[in-house]
Amino acid sequence: MILIFDENLSLRLPGRLADQFPSSTHVEHMGLKGHDDISLWNRAKEIKSAMIVSKDDDFRELALAFGPPPKVLMLLIGNRTTSEVERLLRQHVQQIEDFAADGESALLEICL
């Protein structure tokens, strides 16, 4: 699985989570910083096992309208530090892995 962190999340998250999610990246690393959500959605569709991680409700709507791929991991957390986001994702690793393995599910929401 490849987690793709949206602009509303720290650029440092892929590196901080590399031990658990080694193929993760950030939209900035993909050259998509400042692009609209559809650009990211379409690019992620081309990447096998891609999962967009965001706090942006627009991705929820895309996931529900079009289904996977890509999958969407919504973080319902408000403004949190990078450490808090990292901790939350680590606490839900098994749930995220199960979601990634489910071929039909499009959306996983995680909250504090």
PDB file of N, CA and C in Angstrom:
ATOM      1  N   MET A   1       0.839  -1.173   0.000  1.00  0.00           N
ATOM      2  CA  MET A   1       0.000   0.000   0.000  1.00  0.00           C
ATOM      3  C   MET A   1       0.885   1.237   0.000  1.00  0.00           C
ATOM      4  N   ILE A   2       0.439   2.236  -0.700  1.00  0.00           N
ATOM      5  CA  ILE A   2       1.166   3.505  -0.779  1.00  0.00           C
ATOM      6  C   ILE A   2       0.266   4.600  -0.235  1.00  0.00           C
ATOM      7  N   LEU A   3       0.655   5.159   0.901  1.00  0.00           N
ATOM      8  CA  LEU A   3      -0.089   6.291   1.450  1.00  0.00           C
ATOM      9  C   LEU A   3       0.396   7.554   0.761  1.00  0.00           C
ATOM     10  N   ILE A   4      -0.550   8.347   0.279  1.00  0.00           N
ATOM     11  CA  ILE A   4      -0.240   9.636  -0.340  1.00  0.00           C
ATOM     12  C   ILE A   4      -0.848  10.708   0.554  1.00  0.00           C
ATOM     13  N   PHE A   5       0.015  11.465   1.230  1.00  0.00           N
ATOM     14  CA  PHE A   5      -0.445  12.491   2.158  1.00  0.00           C
ATOM     15  C   PHE A   5      -0.786  13.764   1.406  1.00  0.00           C
ATOM     16  N   ASP A   6      -1.969  14.262   1.663  1.00  0.00           N
ATOM     17  CA  ASP A   6      -2.471  15.484   1.048  1.00  0.00           C
ATOM     18  C   ASP A   6      -1.736  16.698   1.620  1.00  0.00           C
ATOM     19  N   GLU A   7      -1.903  17.828   0.951  1.00  0.00           N
ATOM     20  CA  GLU A   7      -1.248  19.074   1.359  1.00  0.00           C
ATOM     21  C   GLU A   7      -1.596  19.518   2.771  1.00  0.00           C
ATOM     22  N   ASN A   8      -2.771  19.125   3.265  1.00  0.00           N
ATOM     23  CA  ASN A   8      -3.180  19.572   4.583  1.00  0.00           C
ATOM     24  C   ASN A   8      -2.510  18.774   5.703  1.00  0.00           C
ATOM     25  N   LEU A   9      -1.603  17.886   5.337  1.00  0.00           N
ATOM     26  CA  LEU A   9      -0.834  17.115   6.310  1.00  0.00           C
ATOM     27  C   LEU A   9       0.654  17.372   6.092  1.00  0.00           C
ATOM     28  N   SER A  10       1.427  17.146   7.122  1.00  0.00           N
ATOM     29  CA  SER A  10       2.845  17.491   7.111  1.00  0.00           C
ATOM     30  C   SER A  10       3.640  16.737   6.045  1.00  0.00           C
ATOM     31  N   LEU A  11       4.536  17.460   5.444  1.00  0.00           N
ATOM     32  CA  LEU A  11       5.474  16.908   4.474  1.00  0.00           C
ATOM     33  C   LEU A  11       6.409  15.894   5.137  1.00  0.00           C
ATOM     34  N   ARG A  12       6.524  15.951   6.448  1.00  0.00           N
ATOM     35  CA  ARG A  12       7.433  15.057   7.184  1.00  0.00           C
ATOM     36  C   ARG A  12       6.825  13.676   7.470  1.00  0.00           C
ATOM     37  N   LEU A  13       5.531  13.526   7.325  1.00  0.00           N
ATOM     38  CA  LEU A  13       4.883  12.256   7.684  1.00  0.00           C
ATOM     39  C   LEU A  13       5.410  11.035   6.918  1.00  0.00           C
ATOM     40  N   PRO A  14       5.627  11.099   5.618  1.00  0.00           N
ATOM     41  CA  PRO A  14       6.143   9.899   4.946  1.00  0.00           C
ATOM     42  C   PRO A  14       7.462   9.402   5.544  1.00  0.00           C
ATOM     43  N   GLY A  15       8.358  10.307   5.853  1.00  0.00           N
ATOM     44  CA  GLY A  15       9.628   9.912   6.452  1.00  0.00           C
ATOM     45  C   GLY A  15       9.470   9.366   7.855  1.00  0.00           C
ATOM     46  N   ARG A  16       8.609   9.994   8.622  1.00  0.00           N
ATOM     47  CA  ARG A  16       8.397   9.565  10.003  1.00  0.00           C
ATOM     48  C   ARG A  16       7.691   8.219  10.092  1.00  0.00           C
ATOM     49  N   LEU A  17       6.944   7.865   9.053  1.00  0.00           N
ATOM     50  CA  LEU A  17       6.202   6.598   9.049  1.00  0.00           C
ATOM     51  C   LEU A  17       6.816   5.554   8.116  1.00  0.00           C
ATOM     52  N   ALA A  18       8.024   5.817   7.651  1.00  0.00           N
ATOM     53  CA  ALA A  18       8.657   4.928   6.664  1.00  0.00           C
ATOM     54  C   ALA A  18       8.840   3.506   7.173  1.00  0.00           C
ATOM     55  N   ASP A  19       9.008   3.316   8.462  1.00  0.00           N
ATOM     56  CA  ASP A  19       9.168   1.968   8.987  1.00  0.00           C
ATOM     57  C   ASP A  19       7.872   1.163   8.866  1.00  0.00           C
ATOM     58  N   GLN A  20       6.741   1.832   8.975  1.00  0.00           N
ATOM     59  CA  GLN A  20       5.445   1.163   8.922  1.00  0.00           C
ATOM     60  C   GLN A  20       4.822   1.204   7.529  1.00  0.00           C
ATOM     61  N   PHE A  21       4.999   2.319   6.838  1.00  0.00           N
ATOM     62  CA  PHE A  21       4.437   2.521   5.499  1.00  0.00           C
ATOM     63  C   PHE A  21       5.568   2.984   4.574  1.00  0.00           C
ATOM     64  N   PRO A  22       6.448   2.067   4.182  1.00  0.00           N
ATOM     65  CA  PRO A  22       7.689   2.446   3.491  1.00  0.00           C
ATOM     66  C   PRO A  22       7.525   3.114   2.123  1.00  0.00           C
ATOM     67  N   SER A  23       6.435   2.921   1.455  1.00  0.00           N
ATOM     68  CA  SER A  23       6.265   3.502   0.121  1.00  0.00           C
ATOM     69  C   SER A  23       5.482   4.806   0.135  1.00  0.00           C
ATOM     70  N   SER A  24       5.237   5.343   1.311  1.00  0.00           N
ATOM     71  CA  SER A  24       4.429   6.560   1.427  1.00  0.00           C
ATOM     72  C   SER A  24       5.126   7.759   0.807  1.00  0.00           C
ATOM     73  N   THR A  25       4.285   8.719   0.416  1.00  0.00           N
ATOM     74  CA  THR A  25       4.798   9.942  -0.195  1.00  0.00           C
ATOM     75  C   THR A  25       3.868  11.099   0.157  1.00  0.00           C
ATOM     76  N   HIS A  26       4.205  12.245  -0.325  1.00  0.00           N
ATOM     77  CA  HIS A  26       3.422  13.465  -0.086  1.00  0.00           C
ATOM     78  C   HIS A  26       3.140  14.099  -1.443  1.00  0.00           C
ATOM     79  N   VAL A  27       2.027  14.805  -1.554  1.00  0.00           N
ATOM     80  CA  VAL A  27       1.687  15.429  -2.842  1.00  0.00           C
ATOM     81  C   VAL A  27       2.808  16.324  -3.347  1.00  0.00           C
ATOM     82  N   GLU A  28       3.527  16.964  -2.437  1.00  0.00           N
ATOM     83  CA  GLU A  28       4.631  17.832  -2.858  1.00  0.00           C
ATOM     84  C   GLU A  28       5.732  17.022  -3.538  1.00  0.00           C
ATOM     85  N   HIS A  29       6.011  15.823  -3.027  1.00  0.00           N
ATOM     86  CA  HIS A  29       7.025  14.962  -3.638  1.00  0.00           C
ATOM     87  C   HIS A  29       6.580  14.461  -5.005  1.00  0.00           C
ATOM     88  N   MET A  30       5.289  14.475  -5.245  1.00  0.00           N
ATOM     89  CA  MET A  30       4.738  14.014  -6.521  1.00  0.00           C
ATOM     90  C   MET A  30       4.604  15.160  -7.530  1.00  0.00           C
ATOM     91  N   GLY A  31       4.992  16.348  -7.122  1.00  0.00           N
ATOM     92  CA  GLY A  31       4.866  17.504  -8.006  1.00  0.00           C
ATOM     93  C   GLY A  31       3.443  18.010  -8.135  1.00  0.00           C
ATOM     94  N   LEU A  32       2.594  17.695  -7.137  1.00  0.00           N
ATOM     95  CA  LEU A  32       1.183  18.082  -7.214  1.00  0.00           C
ATOM     96  C   LEU A  32       0.798  19.145  -6.188  1.00  0.00           C
ATOM     97  N   LYS A  33       1.764  19.744  -5.553  1.00  0.00           N
ATOM     98  CA  LYS A  33       1.446  20.803  -4.592  1.00  0.00           C
ATOM     99  C   LYS A  33       0.741  21.944  -5.319  1.00  0.00           C
ATOM    100  N   GLY A  34      -0.390  22.372  -4.762  1.00  0.00           N
ATOM    101  CA  GLY A  34      -1.148  23.471  -5.353  1.00  0.00           C
ATOM    102  C   GLY A  34      -2.128  23.045  -6.429  1.00  0.00           C
ATOM    103  N   HIS A  35      -2.100  21.779  -6.823  1.00  0.00           N
ATOM    104  CA  HIS A  35      -3.054  21.293  -7.822  1.00  0.00           C
ATOM    105  C   HIS A  35      -4.401  20.993  -7.164  1.00  0.00           C
ATOM    106  N   ASP A  36      -5.423  20.921  -7.967  1.00  0.00           N
ATOM    107  CA  ASP A  36      -6.745  20.635  -7.412  1.00  0.00           C
ATOM    108  C   ASP A  36      -6.859  19.161  -7.007  1.00  0.00           C
ATOM    109  N   ASP A  37      -7.908  18.858  -6.248  1.00  0.00           N
ATOM    110  CA  ASP A  37      -8.115  17.513  -5.726  1.00  0.00           C
ATOM    111  C   ASP A  37      -8.279  16.475  -6.828  1.00  0.00           C
ATOM    112  N   ILE A  38      -8.907  16.851  -7.917  1.00  0.00           N
ATOM    113  CA  ILE A  38      -9.108  15.914  -9.026  1.00  0.00           C
ATOM    114  C   ILE A  38      -7.773  15.488  -9.633  1.00  0.00           C
ATOM    115  N   SER A  39      -6.814  16.399  -9.693  1.00  0.00           N
ATOM    116  CA  SER A  39      -5.487  16.046 -10.218  1.00  0.00           C
ATOM    117  C   SER A  39      -4.843  14.972  -9.364  1.00  0.00           C
ATOM    118  N   LEU A  40      -4.925  15.135  -8.051  1.00  0.00           N
ATOM    119  CA  LEU A  40      -4.377  14.124  -7.154  1.00  0.00           C
ATOM    120  C   LEU A  40      -5.156  12.818  -7.285  1.00  0.00           C
ATOM    121  N   TRP A  41      -6.468  12.896  -7.322  1.00  0.00           N
ATOM    122  CA  TRP A  41      -7.316  11.704  -7.460  1.00  0.00           C
ATOM    123  C   TRP A  41      -6.929  10.917  -8.711  1.00  0.00           C
ATOM    124  N   ASN A  42      -6.829  11.613  -9.839  1.00  0.00           N
ATOM    125  CA  ASN A  42      -6.501  10.947 -11.099  1.00  0.00           C
ATOM    126  C   ASN A  42      -5.097  10.348 -11.080  1.00  0.00           C
ATOM    127  N   ARG A  43      -4.156  11.050 -10.487  1.00  0.00           N
ATOM    128  CA  ARG A  43      -2.784  10.511 -10.399  1.00  0.00           C
ATOM    129  C   ARG A  43      -2.763   9.282  -9.494  1.00  0.00           C
ATOM    130  N   ALA A  44      -3.462   9.335  -8.368  1.00  0.00           N
ATOM    131  CA  ALA A  44      -3.489   8.209  -7.430  1.00  0.00           C
ATOM    132  C   ALA A  44      -4.155   6.984  -8.056  1.00  0.00           C
ATOM    133  N   LYS A  45      -5.122   7.197  -8.944  1.00  0.00           N
ATOM    134  CA  LYS A  45      -5.782   6.073  -9.628  1.00  0.00           C
ATOM    135  C   LYS A  45      -4.784   5.258 -10.437  1.00  0.00           C
ATOM    136  N   GLU A  46      -3.719   5.892 -10.891  1.00  0.00           N
ATOM    137  CA  GLU A  46      -2.709   5.236 -11.712  1.00  0.00           C
ATOM    138  C   GLU A  46      -1.708   4.433 -10.884  1.00  0.00           C
ATOM    139  N   ILE A  47      -1.724   4.595  -9.568  1.00  0.00           N
ATOM    140  CA  ILE A  47      -0.736   3.963  -8.697  1.00  0.00           C
ATOM    141  C   ILE A  47      -1.380   2.778  -7.996  1.00  0.00           C
ATOM    142  N   LYS A  48      -0.840   1.607  -8.234  1.00  0.00           N
ATOM    143  CA  LYS A  48      -1.380   0.386  -7.618  1.00  0.00           C
ATOM    144  C   LYS A  48      -1.318   0.505  -6.101  1.00  0.00           C
ATOM    145  N   SER A  49      -2.413   0.207  -5.444  1.00  0.00           N
ATOM    146  CA  SER A  49      -2.535   0.206  -3.977  1.00  0.00           C
ATOM    147  C   SER A  49      -2.413   1.595  -3.354  1.00  0.00           C
ATOM    148  N   ALA A  50      -2.746   2.641  -4.098  1.00  0.00           N
ATOM    149  CA  ALA A  50      -2.659   4.000  -3.561  1.00  0.00           C
ATOM    150  C   ALA A  50      -3.815   4.296  -2.612  1.00  0.00           C
ATOM    151  N   MET A  51      -3.488   5.031  -1.561  1.00  0.00           N
ATOM    152  CA  MET A  51      -4.474   5.475  -0.589  1.00  0.00           C
ATOM    153  C   MET A  51      -4.179   6.938  -0.265  1.00  0.00           C
ATOM    154  N   ILE A  52      -5.133   7.813  -0.553  1.00  0.00           N
ATOM    155  CA  ILE A  52      -4.981   9.227  -0.251  1.00  0.00           C
ATOM    156  C   ILE A  52      -5.335   9.434   1.221  1.00  0.00           C
ATOM    157  N   VAL A  53      -4.444  10.082   1.948  1.00  0.00           N
ATOM    158  CA  VAL A  53      -4.666  10.395   3.359  1.00  0.00           C
ATOM    159  C   VAL A  53      -4.895  11.897   3.443  1.00  0.00           C
ATOM    160  N   SER A  54      -6.050  12.296   3.973  1.00  0.00           N
ATOM    161  CA  SER A  54      -6.416  13.707   3.956  1.00  0.00           C
ATOM    162  C   SER A  54      -7.364  14.054   5.087  1.00  0.00           C
ATOM    163  N   LYS A  55      -7.498  15.348   5.309  1.00  0.00           N
ATOM    164  CA  LYS A  55      -8.526  15.886   6.200  1.00  0.00           C
ATOM    165  C   LYS A  55      -9.573  16.640   5.377  1.00  0.00           C
ATOM    166  N   ASP A  56      -9.466  16.577   4.065  1.00  0.00           N
ATOM    167  CA  ASP A  56     -10.304  17.325   3.129  1.00  0.00           C
ATOM    168  C   ASP A  56     -11.564  16.529   2.777  1.00  0.00           C
ATOM    169  N   ASP A  57     -12.717  17.090   3.094  1.00  0.00           N
ATOM    170  CA  ASP A  57     -13.998  16.422   2.817  1.00  0.00           C
ATOM    171  C   ASP A  57     -14.216  16.135   1.337  1.00  0.00           C
ATOM    172  N   ASP A  58     -13.550  16.880   0.456  1.00  0.00           N
ATOM    173  CA  ASP A  58     -13.722  16.639  -0.977  1.00  0.00           C
ATOM    174  C   ASP A  58     -13.308  15.223  -1.356  1.00  0.00           C
ATOM    175  N   PHE A  59     -12.291  14.679  -0.689  1.00  0.00           N
ATOM    176  CA  PHE A  59     -11.868  13.317  -1.002  1.00  0.00           C
ATOM    177  C   PHE A  59     -12.884  12.289  -0.524  1.00  0.00           C
ATOM    178  N   ARG A  60     -13.574  12.577   0.566  1.00  0.00           N
ATOM    179  CA  ARG A  60     -14.659  11.696   1.012  1.00  0.00           C
ATOM    180  C   ARG A  60     -15.711  11.618  -0.088  1.00  0.00           C
ATOM    181  N   GLU A  61     -16.093  12.772  -0.612  1.00  0.00           N
ATOM    182  CA  GLU A  61     -17.108  12.820  -1.663  1.00  0.00           C
ATOM    183  C   GLU A  61     -16.664  12.074  -2.916  1.00  0.00           C
ATOM    184  N   LEU A  62     -15.400  12.224  -3.291  1.00  0.00           N
ATOM    185  CA  LEU A  62     -14.888  11.507  -4.465  1.00  0.00           C
ATOM    186  C   LEU A  62     -14.910   9.999  -4.238  1.00  0.00           C
ATOM    187  N   ALA A  63     -14.497   9.577  -3.045  1.00  0.00           N
ATOM    188  CA  ALA A  63     -14.477   8.146  -2.727  1.00  0.00           C
ATOM    189  C   ALA A  63     -15.879   7.551  -2.782  1.00  0.00           C
ATOM    190  N   LEU A  64     -16.848   8.265  -2.229  1.00  0.00           N
ATOM    191  CA  LEU A  64     -18.218   7.766  -2.215  1.00  0.00           C
ATOM    192  C   LEU A  64     -18.858   7.807  -3.603  1.00  0.00           C
ATOM    193  N   ALA A  65     -18.483   8.786  -4.396  1.00  0.00           N
ATOM    194  CA  ALA A  65     -19.056   8.911  -5.741  1.00  0.00           C
ATOM    195  C   ALA A  65     -18.469   7.906  -6.727  1.00  0.00           C
ATOM    196  N   PHE A  66     -17.157   7.699  -6.654  1.00  0.00           N
ATOM    197  CA  PHE A  66     -16.489   6.896  -7.675  1.00  0.00           C
ATOM    198  C   PHE A  66     -15.966   5.550  -7.184  1.00  0.00           C
ATOM    199  N   GLY A  67     -15.822   5.370  -5.883  1.00  0.00           N
ATOM    200  CA  GLY A  67     -15.268   4.133  -5.356  1.00  0.00           C
ATOM    201  C   GLY A  67     -13.792   4.003  -5.670  1.00  0.00           C
ATOM    202  N   PRO A  68     -13.212   2.888  -5.212  1.00  0.00           N
ATOM    203  CA  PRO A  68     -11.779   2.716  -5.460  1.00  0.00           C
ATOM    204  C   PRO A  68     -11.517   2.213  -6.873  1.00  0.00           C
ATOM    205  N   PRO A  69     -10.318   2.366  -7.354  1.00  0.00           N
ATOM    206  CA  PRO A  69      -9.203   3.088  -6.755  1.00  0.00           C
ATOM    207  C   PRO A  69      -9.284   4.573  -7.025  1.00  0.00           C
ATOM    208  N   PRO A  70      -8.579   5.376  -6.288  1.00  0.00           N
ATOM    209  CA  PRO A  70      -7.807   5.046  -5.095  1.00  0.00           C
ATOM    210  C   PRO A  70      -8.716   4.953  -3.876  1.00  0.00           C
ATOM    211  N   LYS A  71      -8.179   4.473  -2.807  1.00  0.00           N
ATOM    212  CA  LYS A  71      -8.879   4.461  -1.534  1.00  0.00           C
ATOM    213  C   LYS A  71      -8.603   5.791  -0.831  1.00  0.00           C
ATOM    214  N   VAL A  72      -9.469   6.141   0.107  1.00  0.00           N
ATOM    215  CA  VAL A  72      -9.304   7.393   0.847  1.00  0.00           C
ATOM    216  C   VAL A  72      -9.331   7.095   2.338  1.00  0.00           C
ATOM    217  N   LEU A  73      -8.324   7.591   3.022  1.00  0.00           N
ATOM    218  CA  LEU A  73      -8.244   7.522   4.472  1.00  0.00           C
ATOM    219  C   LEU A  73      -8.457   8.935   5.001  1.00  0.00           C
ATOM    220  N   MET A  74      -9.630   9.166   5.575  1.00  0.00           N
ATOM    221  CA  MET A  74      -9.986  10.481   6.112  1.00  0.00           C
ATOM    222  C   MET A  74      -9.590  10.550   7.581  1.00  0.00           C
ATOM    223  N   LEU A  75      -8.885  11.601   7.929  1.00  0.00           N
ATOM    224  CA  LEU A  75      -8.520  11.846   9.319  1.00  0.00           C
ATOM    225  C   LEU A  75      -9.435  12.933   9.858  1.00  0.00           C
ATOM    226  N   LEU A  76     -10.313  12.556  10.751  1.00  0.00           N
ATOM    227  CA  LEU A  76     -11.272  13.484  11.350  1.00  0.00           C
ATOM    228  C   LEU A  76     -10.682  13.967  12.668  1.00  0.00           C
ATOM    229  N   ILE A  77      -9.706  14.866  12.556  1.00  0.00           N
ATOM    230  CA  ILE A  77      -8.903  15.196  13.733  1.00  0.00           C
ATOM    231  C   ILE A  77      -8.727  16.689  13.985  1.00  0.00           C
ATOM    232  N   GLY A  78      -9.208  17.526  13.115  1.00  0.00           N
ATOM    233  CA  GLY A  78      -8.972  18.963  13.299  1.00  0.00           C
ATOM    234  C   GLY A  78      -7.489  19.276  13.179  1.00  0.00           C
ATOM    235  N   ASN A  79      -7.075  20.355  13.780  1.00  0.00           N
ATOM    236  CA  ASN A  79      -5.669  20.750  13.737  1.00  0.00           C
ATOM    237  C   ASN A  79      -4.891  20.013  14.817  1.00  0.00           C
ATOM    238  N   ARG A  80      -3.960  19.196  14.391  1.00  0.00           N
ATOM    239  CA  ARG A  80      -3.129  18.405  15.299  1.00  0.00           C
ATOM    240  C   ARG A  80      -1.677  18.519  14.877  1.00  0.00           C
ATOM    241  N   THR A  81      -0.795  18.250  15.803  1.00  0.00           N
ATOM    242  CA  THR A  81       0.627  18.279  15.482  1.00  0.00           C
ATOM    243  C   THR A  81       0.979  17.070  14.623  1.00  0.00           C
ATOM    244  N   THR A  82       2.119  17.160  13.981  1.00  0.00           N
ATOM    245  CA  THR A  82       2.601  16.044  13.179  1.00  0.00           C
ATOM    246  C   THR A  82       2.787  14.804  14.052  1.00  0.00           C
ATOM    247  N   SER A  83       3.280  14.987  15.252  1.00  0.00           N
ATOM    248  CA  SER A  83       3.466  13.857  16.172  1.00  0.00           C
ATOM    249  C   SER A  83       2.141  13.197  16.519  1.00  0.00           C
ATOM    250  N   GLU A  84       1.103  13.987  16.710  1.00  0.00           N
ATOM    251  CA  GLU A  84      -0.215  13.429  17.024  1.00  0.00           C
ATOM    252  C   GLU A  84      -0.777  12.647  15.840  1.00  0.00           C
ATOM    253  N   VAL A  85      -0.591  13.167  14.642  1.00  0.00           N
ATOM    254  CA  VAL A  85      -1.063  12.462  13.442  1.00  0.00           C
ATOM    255  C   VAL A  85      -0.286  11.159  13.272  1.00  0.00           C
ATOM    256  N   GLU A  86       1.015  11.229  13.449  1.00  0.00           N
ATOM    257  CA  GLU A  86       1.840  10.021  13.358  1.00  0.00           C
ATOM    258  C   GLU A  86       1.378   8.973  14.368  1.00  0.00           C
ATOM    259  N   ARG A  87       1.174   9.380  15.596  1.00  0.00           N
ATOM    260  CA  ARG A  87       0.738   8.460  16.649  1.00  0.00           C
ATOM    261  C   ARG A  87      -0.616   7.825  16.300  1.00  0.00           C
ATOM    262  N   LEU A  88      -1.541   8.640  15.799  1.00  0.00           N
ATOM    263  CA  LEU A  88      -2.856   8.137  15.421  1.00  0.00           C
ATOM    264  C   LEU A  88      -2.749   7.065  14.338  1.00  0.00           C
ATOM    265  N   LEU A  89      -1.952   7.325  13.321  1.00  0.00           N
ATOM    266  CA  LEU A  89      -1.798   6.355  12.238  1.00  0.00           C
ATOM    267  C   LEU A  89      -1.137   5.078  12.737  1.00  0.00           C
ATOM    268  N   ARG A  90      -0.174   5.198  13.616  1.00  0.00           N
ATOM    269  CA  ARG A  90       0.472   4.011  14.185  1.00  0.00           C
ATOM    270  C   ARG A  90      -0.511   3.195  15.027  1.00  0.00           C
ATOM    271  N   GLN A  91      -1.400   3.863  15.718  1.00  0.00           N
ATOM    272  CA  GLN A  91      -2.385   3.167  16.538  1.00  0.00           C
ATOM    273  C   GLN A  91      -3.398   2.391  15.695  1.00  0.00           C
ATOM    274  N   HIS A  92      -3.560   2.788  14.452  1.00  0.00           N
ATOM    275  CA  HIS A  92      -4.564   2.177  13.574  1.00  0.00           C
ATOM    276  C   HIS A  92      -3.950   1.393  12.417  1.00  0.00           C
ATOM    277  N   VAL A  93      -2.716   0.960  12.562  1.00  0.00           N
ATOM    278  CA  VAL A  93      -2.038   0.252  11.473  1.00  0.00           C
ATOM    279  C   VAL A  93      -2.837  -0.950  11.002  1.00  0.00           C
ATOM    280  N   GLN A  94      -3.307  -1.775  11.914  1.00  0.00           N
ATOM    281  CA  GLN A  94      -4.029  -2.986  11.509  1.00  0.00           C
ATOM    282  C   GLN A  94      -5.314  -2.633  10.773  1.00  0.00           C
ATOM    283  N   GLN A  95      -6.020  -1.643  11.254  1.00  0.00           N
ATOM    284  CA  GLN A  95      -7.251  -1.208  10.595  1.00  0.00           C
ATOM    285  C   GLN A  95      -6.952  -0.682   9.186  1.00  0.00           C
ATOM    286  N   ILE A  96      -5.867   0.063   9.047  1.00  0.00           N
ATOM    287  CA  ILE A  96      -5.472   0.603   7.739  1.00  0.00           C
ATOM    288  C   ILE A  96      -5.082  -0.536   6.796  1.00  0.00           C
ATOM    289  N   GLU A  97      -4.340  -1.514   7.290  1.00  0.00           N
ATOM    290  CA  GLU A  97      -3.945  -2.653   6.469  1.00  0.00           C
ATOM    291  C   GLU A  97      -5.162  -3.476   6.035  1.00  0.00           C
ATOM    292  N   ASP A  98      -6.101  -3.676   6.958  1.00  0.00           N
ATOM    293  CA  ASP A  98      -7.333  -4.406   6.613  1.00  0.00           C
ATOM    294  C   ASP A  98      -8.129  -3.658   5.554  1.00  0.00           C
ATOM    295  N   PHE A  99      -8.209  -2.343   5.684  1.00  0.00           N
ATOM    296  CA  PHE A  99      -8.900  -1.506   4.709  1.00  0.00           C
ATOM    297  C   PHE A  99      -8.228  -1.608   3.344  1.00  0.00           C
ATOM    298  N   ALA A 100      -6.903  -1.562   3.330  1.00  0.00           N
ATOM    299  CA  ALA A 100      -6.156  -1.654   2.073  1.00  0.00           C
ATOM    300  C   ALA A 100      -6.414  -2.987   1.379  1.00  0.00           C
ATOM    301  N   ALA A 101      -6.567  -4.055   2.159  1.00  0.00           N
ATOM    302  CA  ALA A 101      -6.774  -5.389   1.599  1.00  0.00           C
ATOM    303  C   ALA A 101      -8.199  -5.623   1.099  1.00  0.00           C
ATOM    304  N   ASP A 102      -9.133  -4.807   1.538  1.00  0.00           N
ATOM    305  CA  ASP A 102     -10.540  -4.942   1.145  1.00  0.00           C
ATOM    306  C   ASP A 102     -10.730  -4.305  -0.231  1.00  0.00           C
ATOM    307  N   GLY A 103     -10.961  -5.119  -1.223  1.00  0.00           N
ATOM    308  CA  GLY A 103     -11.062  -4.625  -2.591  1.00  0.00           C
ATOM    309  C   GLY A 103     -12.259  -3.747  -2.891  1.00  0.00           C
ATOM    310  N   GLU A 104     -13.268  -3.758  -2.035  1.00  0.00           N
ATOM    311  CA  GLU A 104     -14.484  -3.010  -2.320  1.00  0.00           C
ATOM    312  C   GLU A 104     -14.615  -1.705  -1.559  1.00  0.00           C
ATOM    313  N   SER A 105     -14.021  -1.608  -0.395  1.00  0.00           N
ATOM    314  CA  SER A 105     -14.166  -0.402   0.433  1.00  0.00           C
ATOM    315  C   SER A 105     -13.401   0.764  -0.163  1.00  0.00           C
ATOM    316  N   ALA A 106     -14.037   1.923  -0.164  1.00  0.00           N
ATOM    317  CA  ALA A 106     -13.441   3.112  -0.746  1.00  0.00           C
ATOM    318  C   ALA A 106     -12.976   4.113   0.303  1.00  0.00           C
ATOM    319  N   LEU A 107     -13.578   4.080   1.492  1.00  0.00           N
ATOM    320  CA  LEU A 107     -13.352   5.138   2.479  1.00  0.00           C
ATOM    321  C   LEU A 107     -13.193   4.553   3.872  1.00  0.00           C
ATOM    322  N   LEU A 108     -12.157   5.031   4.558  1.00  0.00           N
ATOM    323  CA  LEU A 108     -11.955   4.710   5.973  1.00  0.00           C
ATOM    324  C   LEU A 108     -11.789   6.040   6.693  1.00  0.00           C
ATOM    325  N   GLU A 109     -12.592   6.220   7.735  1.00  0.00           N
ATOM    326  CA  GLU A 109     -12.504   7.435   8.541  1.00  0.00           C
ATOM    327  C   GLU A 109     -11.941   7.079   9.903  1.00  0.00           C
ATOM    328  N   ILE A 110     -10.934   7.834  10.317  1.00  0.00           N
ATOM    329  CA  ILE A 110     -10.314   7.639  11.627  1.00  0.00           C
ATOM    330  C   ILE A 110     -10.399   8.956  12.375  1.00  0.00           C
ATOM    331  N   CYS A 111     -10.817   8.866  13.602  1.00  0.00           N
ATOM    332  CA  CYS A 111     -10.908  10.078  14.441  1.00  0.00           C
ATOM    333  C   CYS A 111     -10.201   9.833  15.763  1.00  0.00           C
ATOM    334  N   LEU A 112      -9.974  10.907  16.470  1.00  0.00           N
ATOM    335  CA  LEU A 112      -9.341  10.809  17.788  1.00  0.00           C
ATOM    336  C   LEU A 112     -10.324  10.301  18.799  1.00  0.00           C
TER     337      LEU A 112
END
